[in-house]
C-alpha atoms as a PDB file:
ATOM      1  CA  MET A   1       2.857 197.734 126.124  1.00  0.00           C
ATOM      2  CA  LYS A   2       4.085 201.040 127.622  1.00  0.00           C
ATOM      3  CA  LEU A   3       3.666 202.938 124.513  1.00  0.00           C
ATOM      4  CA  LEU A   4       0.345 201.826 124.278  1.00  0.00           C
ATOM      5  CA  ALA A   5      -0.732 202.612 127.857  1.00  0.00           C
ATOM      6  CA  ARG A   6       0.453 205.817 127.619  1.00  0.00           C
ATOM      7  CA  PHE A   7      -1.254 206.448 124.134  1.00  0.00           C
ATOM      8  CA  HIS A   8      -4.523 205.533 125.778  1.00  0.00           C
ATOM      9  CA  GLU A   9      -3.955 207.732 128.955  1.00  0.00           C
ATOM     10  CA  ASP A  10      -3.408 210.619 127.272  1.00  0.00           C
ATOM     11  CA  ASN A  11      -6.811 210.028 125.778  1.00  0.00           C
ATOM     12  CA  LEU A  12      -5.597 210.681 122.138  1.00  0.00           C
ATOM     13  CA  LEU A  13      -5.050 214.208 122.723  1.00  0.00           C
ATOM     14  CA  GLY A  14      -2.083 214.153 120.234  1.00  0.00           C
ATOM     15  CA  VAL A  15      -4.445 212.443 117.308  1.00  0.00           C
ATOM     16  CA  ARG A  16      -7.146 214.819 118.192  1.00  0.00           C
ATOM     17  CA  PHE A  17      -4.446 217.563 117.708  1.00  0.00           C
ATOM     18  CA  ALA A  18      -3.166 216.182 114.698  1.00  0.00           C
ATOM     19  CA  LEU A  19      -6.472 216.037 113.234  1.00  0.00           C
ATOM     20  CA  ASN A  20      -7.355 219.420 114.305  1.00  0.00           C
ATOM     21  CA  VAL A  21      -4.472 221.023 112.535  1.00  0.00           C
ATOM     22  CA  PHE A  22      -4.728 218.884 109.381  1.00  0.00           C
ATOM     23  CA  VAL A  23      -8.441 220.058 109.111  1.00  0.00           C
ATOM     24  CA  GLY A  24      -7.283 223.848 109.951  1.00  0.00           C
ATOM     25  CA  ALA A  25      -4.576 223.704 107.545  1.00  0.00           C
ATOM     26  CA  SER A  26      -6.466 222.343 104.460  1.00  0.00           C
ATOM     27  CA  LEU A  27      -9.346 224.533 104.998  1.00  0.00           C
ATOM     28  CA  LEU A  28      -7.144 227.492 105.032  1.00  0.00           C
ATOM     29  CA  TRP A  29      -4.844 226.454 102.077  1.00  0.00           C
ATOM     30  CA  MET A  30      -7.941 225.778 100.024  1.00  0.00           C
ATOM     31  CA  LEU A  31      -9.851 229.276 100.914  1.00  0.00           C
ATOM     32  CA  LEU A  32      -6.797 231.698 100.786  1.00  0.00           C
ATOM     33  CA  ARG A  33      -5.173 229.922  97.840  1.00  0.00           C
ATOM     34  CA  LEU A  34      -8.112 229.550  95.710  1.00  0.00           C
ATOM     35  CA  LEU A  35     -10.284 232.695  96.602  1.00  0.00           C
ATOM     36  CA  ALA A  36      -7.869 234.725  97.641  1.00  0.00           C
ATOM     37  CA  ASP A  37      -4.621 233.897  95.729  1.00  0.00           C
ATOM     38  CA  ALA A  38      -2.870 234.674  99.095  1.00  0.00           C
ATOM     39  CA  ASN A  39      -0.158 232.564 100.690  1.00  0.00           C
ATOM     40  CA  PRO A  40      -1.698 230.815 103.565  1.00  0.00           C
ATOM     41  CA  ILE A  41       1.315 230.620 105.776  1.00  0.00           C
ATOM     42  CA  TRP A  42       0.571 233.414 108.232  1.00  0.00           C
ATOM     43  CA  ALA A  43      -2.785 232.013 108.903  1.00  0.00           C
ATOM     44  CA  ILE A  44      -2.034 228.409 109.065  1.00  0.00           C
ATOM     45  CA  ALA A  45       0.515 229.350 111.804  1.00  0.00           C
ATOM     46  CA  SER A  46      -1.939 231.235 113.878  1.00  0.00           C
ATOM     47  CA  MET A  47      -4.665 228.489 113.332  1.00  0.00           C
ATOM     48  CA  ILE A  48      -1.865 226.084 114.754  1.00  0.00           C
ATOM     49  CA  ALA A  49      -1.089 228.477 117.598  1.00  0.00           C
ATOM     50  CA  ALA A  50      -4.700 229.143 118.562  1.00  0.00           C
ATOM     51  CA  SER A  51      -5.640 225.171 118.344  1.00  0.00           C
ATOM     52  CA  GLU A  52      -6.118 223.020 121.539  1.00  0.00           C
ATOM     53  CA  PRO A  53      -7.714 219.839 121.672  1.00  0.00           C
ATOM     54  CA  VAL A  54      -9.813 220.715 124.449  1.00  0.00           C
ATOM     55  CA  VAL A  55     -12.265 223.433 123.684  1.00  0.00           C
ATOM     56  CA  ARG A  56     -12.123 225.707 127.196  1.00  0.00           C
ATOM     57  CA  ASN A  57      -8.234 225.984 126.196  1.00  0.00           C
ATOM     58  CA  ALA A  58      -9.085 226.834 122.732  1.00  0.00           C
ATOM     59  CA  VAL A  59     -11.196 229.468 123.923  1.00  0.00           C
ATOM     60  CA  ARG A  60      -8.568 231.063 126.219  1.00  0.00           C
ATOM     61  CA  MET A  61      -5.737 230.778 123.552  1.00  0.00           C
ATOM     62  CA  PHE A  62      -8.236 232.714 120.946  1.00  0.00           C
ATOM     63  CA  ARG A  63      -8.686 235.230 123.432  1.00  0.00           C
ATOM     64  CA  ALA A  64      -5.370 235.880 124.429  1.00  0.00           C
ATOM     65  CA  ARG A  65      -4.065 235.699 120.924  1.00  0.00           C
ATOM     66  CA  ILE A  66      -6.701 237.957 119.364  1.00  0.00           C
ATOM     67  CA  ILE A  67      -6.137 240.857 121.861  1.00  0.00           C
ATOM     68  CA  ASN A  68      -2.658 240.734 121.495  1.00  0.00           C
ATOM     69  CA  VAL A  69      -2.610 240.638 117.925  1.00  0.00           C
ATOM     70  CA  LEU A  70      -4.822 243.683 117.551  1.00  0.00           C
ATOM     71  CA  VAL A  71      -2.590 245.302 120.027  1.00  0.00           C
ATOM     72  CA  GLY A  72       0.140 244.859 117.812  1.00  0.00           C
ATOM     73  CA  CYS A  73      -1.742 245.586 114.847  1.00  0.00           C
ATOM     74  CA  ALA A  74      -2.775 248.909 116.352  1.00  0.00           C
ATOM     75  CA  VAL A  75       0.875 249.799 117.337  1.00  0.00           C
ATOM     76  CA  GLY A  76       2.458 248.672 114.083  1.00  0.00           C
ATOM     77  CA  LEU A  77      -0.148 251.204 112.199  1.00  0.00           C
ATOM     78  CA  ALA A  78       0.125 254.176 114.605  1.00  0.00           C
ATOM     79  CA  VAL A  79       4.204 253.582 114.432  1.00  0.00           C
ATOM     80  CA  LEU A  80       3.874 253.387 110.390  1.00  0.00           C
ATOM     81  CA  ALA A  81       1.630 256.397 109.966  1.00  0.00           C
ATOM     82  CA  ILE A  82       4.186 258.636 111.584  1.00  0.00           C
ATOM     83  CA  GLY A  83       6.949 259.780 109.462  1.00  0.00           C
ATOM     84  CA  GLY A  84       8.289 258.044 106.485  1.00  0.00           C
ATOM     85  CA  THR A  85       9.420 254.316 106.438  1.00  0.00           C
ATOM     86  CA  ASN A  86      12.448 253.575 108.583  1.00  0.00           C
ATOM     87  CA  GLU A  87      14.312 250.432 109.693  1.00  0.00           C
ATOM     88  CA  TRP A  88      14.206 251.981 112.938  1.00  0.00           C
ATOM     89  CA  LYS A  89      10.590 251.580 113.298  1.00  0.00           C
ATOM     90  CA  VAL A  90      11.020 248.270 113.909  1.00  0.00           C
ATOM     91  CA  PRO A  91      12.599 247.884 117.118  1.00  0.00           C
ATOM     92  CA  LEU A  92      10.248 251.085 118.498  1.00  0.00           C
ATOM     93  CA  ALA A  93       7.194 249.647 117.382  1.00  0.00           C
ATOM     94  CA  ILE A  94       8.015 246.225 118.921  1.00  0.00           C
ATOM     95  CA  SER A  95       8.778 247.709 121.958  1.00  0.00           C
ATOM     96  CA  ILE A  96       5.896 249.861 122.269  1.00  0.00           C
ATOM     97  CA  ALA A  97       3.670 246.714 121.762  1.00  0.00           C
ATOM     98  CA  VAL A  98       5.626 244.986 124.608  1.00  0.00           C
ATOM     99  CA  LEU A  99       4.775 247.657 126.990  1.00  0.00           C
ATOM    100  CA  VAL A 100       1.045 248.357 125.601  1.00  0.00           C
ATOM    101  CA  SER A 101       0.529 244.213 125.936  1.00  0.00           C
ATOM    102  CA  SER A 102       2.761 243.980 129.458  1.00  0.00           C
ATOM    103  CA  TYR A 103       1.021 246.943 131.126  1.00  0.00           C
ATOM    104  CA  VAL A 104      -2.170 247.747 129.396  1.00  0.00           C
ATOM    105  CA  VAL A 105      -3.613 244.742 128.464  1.00  0.00           C
ATOM    106  CA  ARG A 106      -1.695 242.563 130.769  1.00  0.00           C
ATOM    107  CA  ILE A 107      -2.646 239.186 129.399  1.00  0.00           C
ATOM    108  CA  GLN A 108       0.728 237.003 129.497  1.00  0.00           C
ATOM    109  CA  THR A 109      -0.932 234.225 127.616  1.00  0.00           C
ATOM    110  CA  MET A 110       0.265 235.019 124.085  1.00  0.00           C
ATOM    111  CA  TRP A 111       1.886 238.269 124.635  1.00  0.00           C
ATOM    112  CA  ARG A 112       4.525 237.820 122.031  1.00  0.00           C
ATOM    113  CA  GLN A 113       1.727 238.012 119.466  1.00  0.00           C
ATOM    114  CA  ALA A 114       1.826 242.028 119.751  1.00  0.00           C
ATOM    115  CA  PRO A 115       5.166 242.704 119.068  1.00  0.00           C
ATOM    116  CA  ILE A 116       5.430 240.009 116.087  1.00  0.00           C
ATOM    117  CA  ASN A 117       2.285 241.670 114.713  1.00  0.00           C
ATOM    118  CA  ALA A 118       3.682 245.042 115.047  1.00  0.00           C
ATOM    119  CA  ALA A 119       6.838 243.849 113.517  1.00  0.00           C
ATOM    120  CA  LEU A 120       4.656 242.470 110.254  1.00  0.00           C
ATOM    121  CA  VAL A 121       2.830 245.697 110.009  1.00  0.00           C
ATOM    122  CA  ILE A 122       6.423 247.716 110.036  1.00  0.00           C
ATOM    123  CA  ALA A 123       8.299 245.358 107.866  1.00  0.00           C
ATOM    124  CA  SER A 124       5.405 245.504 105.271  1.00  0.00           C
ATOM    125  CA  GLY A 125       6.128 249.088 104.888  1.00  0.00           C
ATOM    126  CA  LEU A 126       9.850 248.754 104.902  1.00  0.00           C
ATOM    127  CA  ALA A 127       9.476 246.166 102.155  1.00  0.00           C
ATOM    128  CA  GLN A 128       6.899 248.088  99.867  1.00  0.00           C
ATOM    129  CA  HIS A 129       8.650 251.216 100.496  1.00  0.00           C
ATOM    130  CA  SER A 130       5.493 252.910 100.907  1.00  0.00           C
ATOM    131  CA  LYS A 131       3.510 253.735 104.097  1.00  0.00           C
ATOM    132  CA  LEU A 132       0.027 253.034 102.519  1.00  0.00           C
ATOM    133  CA  SER A 133       1.169 250.002 100.939  1.00  0.00           C
ATOM    134  CA  GLY A 134       2.729 248.840 103.665  1.00  0.00           C
ATOM    135  CA  ILE A 135      -0.600 249.723 105.743  1.00  0.00           C
ATOM    136  CA  GLU A 136      -2.585 247.772 103.039  1.00  0.00           C
ATOM    137  CA  ASP A 137      -0.165 244.954 103.354  1.00  0.00           C
ATOM    138  CA  GLY A 138       0.054 244.754 107.083  1.00  0.00           C
ATOM    139  CA  LEU A 139      -3.303 244.946 107.476  1.00  0.00           C
ATOM    140  CA  GLN A 140      -4.028 241.625 104.943  1.00  0.00           C
ATOM    141  CA  LYS A 141      -1.068 239.687 106.984  1.00  0.00           C
ATOM    142  CA  VAL A 142      -3.010 240.845 110.265  1.00  0.00           C
ATOM    143  CA  GLY A 143      -6.165 239.788 108.844  1.00  0.00           C
ATOM    144  CA  GLU A 144      -4.631 236.831 107.830  1.00  0.00           C
ATOM    145  CA  VAL A 145      -3.709 235.859 111.506  1.00  0.00           C
ATOM    146  CA  ILE A 146      -7.116 236.585 112.577  1.00  0.00           C
ATOM    147  CA  LEU A 147      -8.901 233.967 110.178  1.00  0.00           C
ATOM    148  CA  GLY A 148      -6.353 231.520 111.258  1.00  0.00           C
ATOM    149  CA  CYS A 149      -7.277 231.799 114.721  1.00  0.00           C
ATOM    150  CA  VAL A 150     -11.002 231.648 114.105  1.00  0.00           C
ATOM    151  CA  VAL A 151     -10.204 228.656 111.921  1.00  0.00           C
ATOM    152  CA  GLY A 152      -8.495 227.000 114.776  1.00  0.00           C
ATOM    153  CA  LEU A 153     -11.074 227.645 117.164  1.00  0.00           C
ATOM    154  CA  LEU A 154     -13.971 226.436 114.952  1.00  0.00           C
ATOM    155  CA  VAL A 155     -12.366 223.277 113.989  1.00  0.00           C
ATOM    156  CA  THR A 156     -11.420 222.827 117.701  1.00  0.00           C
ATOM    157  CA  TRP A 157     -15.194 222.969 118.776  1.00  0.00           C
ATOM    158  CA  LEU A 158     -16.551 221.242 115.474  1.00  0.00           C
ATOM    159  CA  PHE A 159     -14.183 218.219 116.403  1.00  0.00           C
ATOM    160  CA  SER A 160     -15.547 218.211 120.495  1.00  0.00           C
ATOM    161  CA  LEU A 161     -18.769 217.619 119.038  1.00  0.00           C
ATOM    162  CA  LEU A 162     -17.725 214.872 116.825  1.00  0.00           C
ATOM    163  CA  TRP A 163     -15.654 213.144 118.971  1.00  0.00           C
ATOM    164  CA  PRO A 164     -16.423 214.547 122.842  1.00  0.00           C
ATOM    165  CA  MET A 165     -13.019 214.029 124.993  1.00  0.00           C
ATOM    166  CA  ARG A 166     -12.890 213.966 128.927  1.00  0.00           C
ATOM    167  CA  GLU A 167     -10.769 216.935 130.051  1.00  0.00           C
ATOM    168  CA  MET A 168      -7.362 215.537 131.499  1.00  0.00           C
ATOM    169  CA  PRO A 169      -6.247 216.748 134.979  1.00  0.00           C
ATOM    170  CA  ALA A 170      -3.300 218.315 134.969  1.00  0.00           C
ATOM    171  CA  LYS A 171      -0.488 216.045 135.605  1.00  0.00           C
ATOM    172  CA  PRO A 172       2.131 216.847 138.698  1.00  0.00           C
ATOM    173  CA  GLU A 173       4.970 217.805 137.001  1.00  0.00           C
ATOM    174  CA  ALA A 174       2.928 220.145 134.749  1.00  0.00           C
ATOM    175  CA  GLN A 175       1.691 221.714 138.078  1.00  0.00           C
ATOM    176  CA  SER A 176       5.017 222.170 139.868  1.00  0.00           C
ATOM    177  CA  ALA A 177       6.042 223.767 136.819  1.00  0.00           C
ATOM    178  CA  LYS A 178       3.628 226.359 137.012  1.00  0.00           C
ATOM    179  CA  ALA A 179       4.426 226.967 140.910  1.00  0.00           C
END
């Protein structure tokens, strides 16, 4: 009985989130596998990270993720473009991305995305043993990440129209964790 009461108390947010990611993952899988013959895992992971059952939260996550993805991509491309391919560029690029994200952009939500995307771009160059191929592959992966974020926000918004939910106030333990 307690489980049923808690299920109702949480206003089915978990079910809504599960449906969001199911629909988003299905869309990305079909889109990228059928149209682009690409592995959709980066897009799906990004869609999950950008998805939220509450639209206001999804918009906040989307904005933070996109900005930090672009920072990481820019840093990775800049570091990859300078000189040849070298393993030491990975720690250099991720460190620069952390500094830019921390002290220039200053959006702590999703700030780990900047070094992750810088590493994606640099690793693509190392795997391809070619600066140009690495830049192309890195940009493709970053494009998939951005596509996943867009799909996550779009699916959240569509579900909010089809299945409106009241926003739950923050629980006391969640508030004390923020302090």
